[in-house]
Amino acid sequence: MPVEKTNTLVVGAGQAGVAMSEHLSNNGISHLVLERDRIAERWRTARWDSLVANGPAWHDRFPGLEFPDIDADGFVPKEGVADYFVDYARKIAAPVRCGVEVKSVKRLTGQRGFRVETSEGPIEAQNVVAATGPFQRPVFPPIIPAEANLLQIHSNAYRNPDQLPEGAVMVVGAGSSGAQIAEELMNSGRQVYLSVGPHDRPPRRYRNRDFVWWLGVLGKWDMQTPGPGTEHVTIAVSGANGGKTVDFRRFAAGGMQLVGLTAGYSDGKLQFADDLVDNVAKGDANYHSVLDEADAYIARNGLDLPEEPEARKKWPDPDCLTNPIRELDLAAAGVTSVIWATGFALDYSWLEVDAFDETGKPDHRRGVSTEPGVYFIGLPWQSRRGSSFIWGVWHDAKFVADHIATQQTYLEYEPSTSDAMVDA
């Protein structure tokens, strides 16, 4: 049987793969997009039930299509986000094949291109774009042994409070996922312990503008490289319930118990680092720095935006901040569940090419890898701070597609007859 061939094979049909397809089509590059599940599957089945987009609808979208039936300043529910990408793929006639898993990619011997083994047979492609994004393998720290009498799940397996056994819940990780899950559990009547590590904590809105607007006008989305130690900074922000600023003191006032970074476990007890006060203080400093920069921007540009002095009011320090818990007997505290909101790791085990550095991370410049013909899309900080956001990945995909098109122009070049005679 002849092997199917295409110029460019895109692996993954989430936001990155759909964006990639649009720009490849605009460049006239023949391509296929393979998706092992459904388009934007992880928005549907690897997120909790009440999740909404972290940015407002006017911002977290592609330029060519608005979200239907939702206010521009609203936050789109997860199913609406998934449906959006299905609609977008249909709008651009993206050549997506669902239910096809890519098992391996290897460079062809003695010729240009790659052999891609899939669940539906082999495909040969001149270029391969890894569009599987940064949320591939849940990070599950091996702190509490499996034989402990606890339900332990990663945040990607959490759906709603009813799935958990009766009792208190320990949530490890206070980024966007951990903070939102912890607040939902608290509002459902659960006793919640939240392990808070280092984080940034921007205001959801300030002076009648969402924080995504502030990051835009202040130039922060366009930062091309992270500062020292900030490449993987956890950001605590939420669009839940119409969008509110994440405030850990407010959580504590509602009954949540804050603890420091989870450091160890022994004899049924969790130990925490002595860093809670410092972590919360640095989060506060980040919050106030955004307010200060916003105020300066308004004054410098003479904008008529309402003042908001209440944004600088602080909830009183709860007892868990003034007398931090360093150790918790889980059984005595009634904890029956632990949710690890500890992020994800990359998994490119299927991509058997020389496109990775000594640590196993993609070795690339703006998505163009060190292995000719291999590209990445959807990575954090791929070209700027906004790269892993919906609108950011769309712009990164254009750069990658343009690069593929330029290379194709070189490969298709044939010298004219006169040039060949001169060379002779």
Protein backbone atom coordinates (compact mmCIF):
# COMPACT_ATOMS: atom_id res chain seq x y z
CA MET A 1 0.00 0.00 0.00
CA PRO A 2 1.36 3.47 -0.82
CA VAL A 3 2.28 5.65 2.17
CA GLU A 4 0.21 8.80 2.58
CA LYS A 5 2.24 11.96 2.17
CA THR A 6 1.74 15.58 3.15
CA ASN A 7 3.94 18.64 3.32
CA THR A 8 3.33 19.43 6.99
CA LEU A 9 1.85 17.27 9.71
CA VAL A 10 0.46 19.04 12.78
CA VAL A 11 0.14 16.90 15.89
CA GLY A 12 -2.68 18.07 18.15
CA ALA A 13 -5.94 19.93 17.44
CA GLY A 14 -6.22 22.17 20.44
CA GLN A 15 -5.87 25.93 20.16
CA ALA A 16 -2.30 25.61 18.90
CA GLY A 17 -3.10 23.09 16.18
CA VAL A 18 -6.13 24.99 14.93
CA ALA A 19 -4.15 28.24 14.77
CA MET A 20 -1.35 26.45 12.95
CA SER A 21 -3.77 25.10 10.37
CA GLU A 22 -5.14 28.56 9.61
CA HIS A 23 -1.72 30.05 8.93
CA LEU A 24 -0.50 27.07 6.92
CA SER A 25 -3.58 27.38 4.73
CA ASN A 26 -3.00 31.10 4.32
CA ASN A 27 0.51 30.26 3.08
CA GLY A 28 -0.75 27.61 0.68
CA ILE A 29 1.01 24.79 2.55
CA SER A 30 -0.69 21.40 2.27
CA HIS A 31 -1.07 19.83 5.69
CA LEU A 32 -2.93 17.48 8.00
CA VAL A 33 -3.84 17.94 11.66
CA LEU A 34 -4.03 14.74 13.70
CA GLU A 35 -5.88 14.63 17.03
CA ARG A 36 -6.08 11.50 19.14
CA ASP A 37 -9.38 12.57 20.73
CA ARG A 38 -11.67 15.45 19.71
CA ILE A 39 -10.81 19.02 18.85
CA ALA A 40 -9.90 20.88 22.09
CA GLU A 41 -10.58 17.68 24.04
CA ARG A 42 -8.72 18.73 27.17
CA TRP A 43 -10.98 21.71 27.65
CA ARG A 44 -13.85 19.23 27.94
CA THR A 45 -12.46 16.26 29.86
CA ALA A 46 -9.30 17.37 31.66
CA ARG A 47 -10.77 20.34 33.54
CA TRP A 48 -13.22 20.74 36.40
CA ASP A 49 -16.90 21.31 35.70
CA SER A 50 -17.12 24.98 36.67
CA LEU A 51 -13.95 26.13 34.88
CA VAL A 52 -14.16 29.27 32.78
CA ALA A 53 -11.49 30.96 30.69
CA ASN A 54 -9.11 33.06 32.77
CA GLY A 55 -9.41 36.00 30.38
CA PRO A 56 -12.51 37.87 29.18
CA ALA A 57 -14.13 36.93 25.88
CA TRP A 58 -12.96 40.06 24.06
CA HIS A 59 -9.35 39.10 24.76
CA ASP A 60 -8.99 35.31 24.89
CA ARG A 61 -9.95 34.48 21.32
CA PHE A 62 -8.59 34.37 17.77
CA PRO A 63 -8.94 37.52 15.63
CA GLY A 64 -11.23 35.86 13.09
CA LEU A 65 -14.14 34.85 15.31
CA GLU A 66 -15.91 36.16 18.40
CA PHE A 67 -17.55 34.01 21.06
CA PRO A 68 -21.28 33.75 20.38
CA ASP A 69 -23.90 34.66 22.95
CA ILE A 70 -21.56 35.97 25.65
CA ASP A 71 -20.77 39.46 26.86
CA ALA A 72 -17.38 40.71 25.69
CA ASP A 73 -16.28 41.19 29.31
CA GLY A 74 -17.62 37.79 30.39
CA PHE A 75 -15.65 34.60 30.99
CA VAL A 76 -16.46 31.71 28.69
CA PRO A 77 -17.27 28.31 30.29
CA LYS A 78 -14.95 25.48 29.32
CA GLU A 79 -17.46 23.78 27.01
CA GLY A 80 -17.95 27.10 25.22
CA VAL A 81 -14.19 27.37 24.68
CA ALA A 82 -14.06 23.85 23.23
CA ASP A 83 -17.05 24.55 20.99
CA TYR A 84 -15.35 27.75 19.83
CA PHE A 85 -12.35 25.83 18.49
CA VAL A 86 -14.61 23.29 16.80
CA ASP A 87 -16.44 26.18 15.12
CA TYR A 88 -13.16 27.86 14.20
CA ALA A 89 -11.76 24.69 12.66
CA ARG A 90 -14.96 24.38 10.60
CA LYS A 91 -14.76 28.06 9.60
CA ILE A 92 -11.26 27.72 8.19
CA ALA A 93 -11.89 24.21 6.80
CA ALA A 94 -9.01 22.82 8.82
CA PRO A 95 -8.04 19.30 7.65
CA VAL A 96 -8.39 17.74 11.10
CA ARG A 97 -8.58 13.98 11.61
CA CYS A 98 -9.85 13.04 15.03
CA GLY A 99 -9.28 9.73 16.75
CA VAL A 100 -5.81 9.30 15.24
CA GLU A 101 -2.89 8.93 17.64
CA VAL A 102 0.68 9.71 16.65
CA LYS A 103 2.91 6.98 18.02
CA SER A 104 6.33 8.01 16.73
CA VAL A 105 8.12 10.50 14.47
CA LYS A 106 11.50 9.60 12.99
CA ARG A 107 13.64 11.27 10.34
CA LEU A 108 13.78 9.44 7.03
CA THR A 109 17.17 8.00 6.11
CA GLY A 110 18.91 9.50 3.10
CA GLN A 111 16.10 11.87 2.21
CA ARG A 112 14.33 14.91 3.52
CA GLY A 113 11.34 14.52 5.82
CA PHE A 114 9.93 12.24 8.48
CA ARG A 115 8.07 8.97 8.82
CA VAL A 116 5.16 9.29 11.22
CA GLU A 117 3.65 6.13 12.64
CA THR A 118 0.03 6.59 13.62
CA SER A 119 -2.81 4.43 14.85
CA GLU A 120 -4.22 4.60 11.29
CA GLY A 121 -0.98 3.77 9.46
CA PRO A 122 2.20 5.60 8.41
CA ILE A 123 2.41 9.09 6.98
CA GLU A 124 5.43 10.82 5.48
CA ALA A 125 5.79 14.58 5.97
CA GLN A 126 8.36 17.17 5.06
CA ASN A 127 7.67 19.05 8.29
CA VAL A 128 6.22 18.11 11.66
CA VAL A 129 4.68 20.62 14.07
CA ALA A 130 4.28 19.52 17.68
CA ALA A 131 1.12 21.34 18.78
CA THR A 132 0.43 19.32 21.90
CA GLY A 133 0.98 22.28 24.22
CA PRO A 134 2.45 22.45 27.73
CA PHE A 135 -0.22 20.48 29.64
CA GLN A 136 0.77 16.94 28.72
CA ARG A 137 1.78 14.96 31.81
CA PRO A 138 0.37 15.85 35.25
CA VAL A 139 3.07 16.46 37.85
CA PHE A 140 2.21 14.31 40.86
CA PRO A 141 4.85 14.85 43.59
CA PRO A 142 5.69 11.56 45.37
CA ILE A 143 5.26 13.02 48.85
CA ILE A 144 2.33 11.08 50.32
CA PRO A 145 2.65 7.30 49.77
CA ALA A 146 -0.07 5.60 47.78
CA GLU A 147 -0.91 3.33 50.72
CA ALA A 148 -1.95 6.29 52.88
CA ASN A 149 -5.67 6.24 53.62
CA LEU A 150 -6.41 9.19 51.34
CA LEU A 151 -7.88 9.92 47.94
CA GLN A 152 -5.11 11.60 45.95
CA ILE A 153 -5.86 13.12 42.55
CA HIS A 154 -4.28 15.70 40.29
CA SER A 155 -6.24 18.86 39.50
CA ASN A 156 -6.80 17.55 35.97
CA ALA A 157 -8.92 14.73 37.46
CA TYR A 158 -10.97 16.99 39.75
CA ARG A 159 -14.50 17.69 38.56
CA ASN A 160 -16.63 18.95 41.47
CA PRO A 161 -16.94 18.65 45.28
CA ASP A 162 -19.39 15.73 45.05
CA GLN A 163 -16.77 13.39 43.62
CA LEU A 164 -14.71 13.59 46.83
CA PRO A 165 -15.39 11.55 49.98
CA GLU A 166 -16.81 13.36 52.97
CA GLY A 167 -14.24 15.24 54.98
CA ALA A 168 -11.69 18.02 54.74
CA VAL A 169 -9.57 18.55 51.62
CA MET A 170 -5.92 19.49 51.23
CA VAL A 171 -5.22 21.43 48.02
CA VAL A 172 -1.53 21.64 47.15
CA GLY A 173 -0.72 24.55 44.86
CA ALA A 174 -2.16 28.06 44.85
CA GLY A 175 -1.96 29.05 41.21
CA SER A 176 -5.07 29.64 39.15
CA SER A 177 -6.21 26.02 39.32
CA GLY A 178 -5.48 25.46 43.00
CA ALA A 179 -6.98 28.77 44.09
CA GLN A 180 -10.19 28.26 42.11
CA ILE A 181 -10.64 24.66 43.23
CA ALA A 182 -9.95 25.53 46.87
CA GLU A 183 -12.48 28.37 46.81
CA GLU A 184 -15.12 26.16 45.17
CA LEU A 185 -14.62 23.48 47.81
CA MET A 186 -14.80 26.05 50.62
CA ASN A 187 -18.02 27.50 49.21
CA SER A 188 -19.49 23.99 49.10
CA GLY A 189 -19.04 23.72 52.86
CA ARG A 190 -15.78 21.78 52.99
CA GLN A 191 -12.95 22.50 55.37
CA VAL A 192 -10.06 23.31 53.05
CA TYR A 193 -6.33 23.49 53.65
CA LEU A 194 -4.46 25.32 50.90
CA SER A 195 -0.70 24.95 50.46
CA VAL A 196 0.55 28.31 49.15
CA GLY A 197 3.89 28.51 47.38
CA PRO A 198 5.53 31.47 45.58
CA HIS A 199 3.12 33.19 43.23
CA ASP A 200 2.09 36.36 41.41
CA ARG A 201 -1.32 37.74 42.32
CA PRO A 202 -2.60 40.38 39.88
CA PRO A 203 -5.84 42.27 40.34
CA ARG A 204 -8.70 40.84 38.31
CA ARG A 205 -9.86 44.34 37.47
CA TYR A 206 -8.59 47.77 38.41
CA ARG A 207 -10.05 51.17 37.59
CA ASN A 208 -12.59 49.72 35.18
CA ARG A 209 -10.10 47.64 33.18
CA ASP A 210 -9.37 43.91 33.34
CA PHE A 211 -5.82 42.94 34.21
CA VAL A 212 -5.26 41.52 30.70
CA TRP A 213 -5.79 45.08 29.41
CA TRP A 214 -3.29 46.42 31.90
CA LEU A 215 -0.70 43.83 30.94
CA GLY A 216 -1.25 44.86 27.34
CA VAL A 217 -0.88 48.64 27.67
CA LEU A 218 1.99 48.23 30.14
CA GLY A 219 3.87 46.07 27.64
CA LYS A 220 4.01 43.02 29.85
CA TRP A 221 2.46 40.57 27.40
CA ASP A 222 5.27 41.37 24.97
CA MET A 223 8.12 40.57 27.34
CA GLN A 224 10.30 38.28 25.25
CA THR A 225 12.24 36.61 28.03
CA PRO A 226 11.31 36.01 31.66
CA GLY A 227 13.28 37.66 34.42
CA PRO A 228 15.61 35.61 36.62
CA GLY A 229 13.65 32.84 38.31
CA THR A 230 10.33 33.90 36.76
CA GLU A 231 10.02 31.49 33.83
CA HIS A 232 7.54 29.29 35.68
CA VAL A 233 6.02 31.78 38.11
CA THR A 234 2.63 30.60 39.34
CA ILE A 235 -0.10 33.17 38.66
CA ALA A 236 -3.19 33.20 40.87
CA VAL A 237 -6.01 34.65 38.80
CA SER A 238 -9.61 33.63 38.26
CA GLY A 239 -12.56 34.33 36.02
CA ALA A 240 -14.91 32.26 38.20
CA ASN A 241 -18.17 33.83 39.38
CA GLY A 242 -17.77 36.79 37.07
CA GLY A 243 -14.11 37.29 37.89
CA LYS A 244 -12.74 38.30 41.28
CA THR A 245 -9.24 39.05 42.49
CA VAL A 246 -7.71 36.03 44.20
CA ASP A 247 -7.11 37.13 47.80
CA PHE A 248 -5.79 34.51 50.20
CA ARG A 249 -6.68 36.60 53.25
CA ARG A 250 -10.26 36.68 52.01
CA PHE A 251 -10.14 32.92 51.66
CA ALA A 252 -8.90 32.60 55.24
CA ALA A 253 -11.67 34.90 56.46
CA GLY A 254 -14.12 32.43 54.92
CA GLY A 255 -12.64 29.55 56.91
CA MET A 256 -9.85 28.27 54.69
CA GLN A 257 -6.61 27.29 56.43
CA LEU A 258 -3.49 28.49 54.62
CA VAL A 259 -0.20 26.62 54.97
CA GLY A 260 3.22 26.98 53.37
CA LEU A 261 4.83 24.95 50.63
CA THR A 262 4.25 21.22 51.15
CA ALA A 263 7.67 19.86 52.09
CA GLY A 264 7.27 16.30 53.36
CA TYR A 265 5.22 13.55 54.93
CA SER A 266 5.77 11.06 57.74
CA ASP A 267 3.60 9.08 60.15
CA GLY A 268 0.36 10.46 58.74
CA LYS A 269 1.51 14.07 59.03
CA LEU A 270 2.28 16.64 56.34
CA GLN A 271 5.14 19.07 56.94
CA PHE A 272 5.18 22.55 55.48
CA ALA A 273 8.01 24.98 54.78
CA ASP A 274 8.28 28.11 56.90
CA ASP A 275 7.51 30.32 53.91
CA LEU A 276 3.79 31.10 54.04
CA VAL A 277 4.18 34.66 55.33
CA ASP A 278 6.89 35.42 52.78
CA ASN A 279 4.94 33.87 49.88
CA VAL A 280 1.80 35.86 50.69
CA ALA A 281 3.84 39.06 51.17
CA LYS A 282 5.52 38.67 47.79
CA GLY A 283 2.15 38.00 46.17
CA ASP A 284 0.85 41.20 47.77
CA ALA A 285 3.89 43.10 46.46
CA ASN A 286 3.18 41.86 42.95
CA TYR A 287 -0.46 42.92 43.28
CA HIS A 288 0.46 46.44 44.44
CA SER A 289 3.13 46.80 41.76
CA VAL A 290 0.45 46.37 39.08
CA LEU A 291 -1.74 48.98 40.80
CA ASP A 292 1.18 51.40 41.01
CA GLU A 293 2.10 50.96 37.35
CA ALA A 294 -1.52 51.34 36.34
CA ASP A 295 -1.89 54.58 38.32
CA ALA A 296 1.30 55.94 36.76
CA TYR A 297 0.10 55.02 33.27
CA ILE A 298 -3.23 56.77 33.84
CA ALA A 299 -1.54 59.92 35.10
CA ARG A 300 1.05 59.94 32.32
CA ASN A 301 -1.56 59.55 29.59
CA GLY A 302 -4.30 61.69 31.12
CA LEU A 303 -6.90 58.92 31.08
CA ASP A 304 -10.29 59.47 32.65
CA LEU A 305 -10.61 56.21 34.59
CA PRO A 306 -12.35 56.14 37.99
CA GLU A 307 -10.17 55.95 41.06
CA GLU A 308 -10.47 52.79 43.12
CA PRO A 309 -9.06 53.31 46.63
CA GLU A 310 -10.79 50.17 47.96
CA ALA A 311 -8.45 48.08 45.78
CA ARG A 312 -5.67 48.91 48.25
CA LYS A 313 -7.61 47.89 51.33
CA LYS A 314 -6.26 44.77 52.99
CA TRP A 315 -8.10 42.03 54.79
CA PRO A 316 -6.73 41.53 58.31
CA ASP A 317 -4.08 38.86 58.75
CA PRO A 318 -5.74 35.59 59.80
CA ASP A 319 -4.39 33.39 62.56
CA CYS A 320 -2.93 30.96 60.02
CA LEU A 321 -0.64 33.80 58.86
CA THR A 322 0.35 35.09 62.28
CA ASN A 323 0.77 31.54 63.65
CA PRO A 324 1.58 29.39 60.61
CA ILE A 325 0.93 25.66 60.76
CA ARG A 326 4.17 23.75 60.21
CA GLU A 327 2.75 20.24 60.53
CA LEU A 328 -0.70 18.77 60.06
CA ASP A 329 -1.95 15.41 61.30
CA LEU A 330 -4.23 14.60 58.36
CA ALA A 331 -6.42 12.09 60.18
CA ALA A 332 -6.87 14.36 63.22
CA ALA A 333 -7.78 17.24 60.88
CA GLY A 334 -10.32 15.06 59.09
CA VAL A 335 -8.53 15.31 55.75
CA THR A 336 -9.72 12.55 53.42
CA SER A 337 -8.66 13.98 50.03
CA VAL A 338 -5.58 15.62 48.56
CA ILE A 339 -5.74 17.51 45.28
CA TRP A 340 -2.37 18.16 43.67
CA ALA A 341 -2.67 21.39 41.69
CA THR A 342 1.01 21.13 40.87
CA GLY A 343 1.11 21.70 37.16
CA PHE A 344 2.20 19.65 34.19
CA ALA A 345 5.35 18.45 32.47
CA LEU A 346 6.09 18.14 28.78
CA ASP A 347 5.99 14.72 27.12
CA TYR A 348 7.52 14.39 23.68
CA SER A 349 8.43 10.72 23.95
CA TRP A 350 6.78 10.17 20.55
CA LEU A 351 9.03 12.73 18.84
CA GLU A 352 12.21 10.75 18.22
CA VAL A 353 14.35 13.51 16.71
CA ASP A 354 17.28 15.68 17.79
CA ALA A 355 15.22 18.71 18.80
CA PHE A 356 15.79 18.80 22.56
CA ASP A 357 18.40 20.21 24.90
CA GLU A 358 20.31 18.32 27.58
CA THR A 359 17.37 18.67 30.00
CA GLY A 360 14.88 17.23 27.52
CA LYS A 361 13.16 20.53 26.76
CA PRO A 362 12.47 21.66 23.20
CA ASP A 363 15.54 23.41 21.76
CA HIS A 364 14.02 26.11 19.61
CA ARG A 365 13.83 29.76 18.70
CA ARG A 366 10.26 31.03 18.54
CA GLY A 367 9.12 27.49 17.76
CA VAL A 368 11.71 26.76 15.08
CA SER A 369 13.70 23.83 16.45
CA THR A 370 17.33 22.90 16.01
CA GLU A 371 16.15 19.88 13.99
CA PRO A 372 15.33 21.14 10.47
CA GLY A 373 11.69 20.50 9.66
CA VAL A 374 10.56 20.14 13.30
CA TYR A 375 8.55 22.91 14.92
CA PHE A 376 6.84 23.57 18.24
CA ILE A 377 3.77 25.64 19.00
CA GLY A 378 1.89 26.48 22.20
CA LEU A 379 4.86 26.56 24.58
CA PRO A 380 5.08 29.02 27.50
CA TRP A 381 7.35 31.93 26.57
CA GLN A 382 7.68 30.60 23.02
CA SER A 383 8.15 34.15 21.79
CA ARG A 384 6.76 36.28 24.61
CA ARG A 385 4.87 36.17 27.87
CA GLY A 386 1.54 35.81 26.07
CA SER A 387 2.57 32.79 24.02
CA SER A 388 0.64 30.16 25.95
CA PHE A 389 -2.60 32.18 25.87
CA ILE A 390 -5.22 31.74 23.17
CA TRP A 391 -4.46 34.98 21.33
CA GLY A 392 -0.71 34.55 21.82
CA VAL A 393 -0.56 31.12 20.24
CA TRP A 394 -2.36 32.46 17.16
CA HIS A 395 0.43 34.99 16.55
CA ASP A 396 3.17 32.44 17.26
CA ALA A 397 1.57 30.07 14.75
CA LYS A 398 1.82 32.74 12.06
CA PHE A 399 5.56 33.07 12.64
CA VAL A 400 6.09 29.31 12.42
CA ALA A 401 3.90 28.94 9.32
CA ASP A 402 5.73 31.82 7.62
CA HIS A 403 9.03 30.11 8.37
CA ILE A 404 7.79 26.85 6.83
CA ALA A 405 6.60 28.75 3.74
CA THR A 406 9.95 30.52 3.36
CA GLN A 407 11.85 27.24 3.59
CA GLN A 408 9.49 25.73 1.03
CA THR A 409 10.32 28.55 -1.38
CA TYR A 410 14.02 27.71 -1.15
CA LEU A 411 13.39 23.99 -1.62
CA GLU A 412 11.27 24.59 -4.70
CA TYR A 413 13.86 26.81 -6.36
CA GLU A 414 15.11 25.61 -9.75
CA PRO A 415 17.82 27.56 -11.56
CA SER A 416 16.85 28.95 -14.95
CA THR A 417 18.37 27.52 -18.12
CA SER A 418 20.52 30.64 -18.64
CA ASP A 419 21.85 30.39 -15.07
CA ALA A 420 22.73 26.77 -15.61
CA MET A 421 24.60 27.63 -18.86
CA VAL A 422 26.60 30.38 -17.12
CA ASP A 423 27.56 27.93 -14.38
CA ALA A 424 28.67 25.44 -17.02
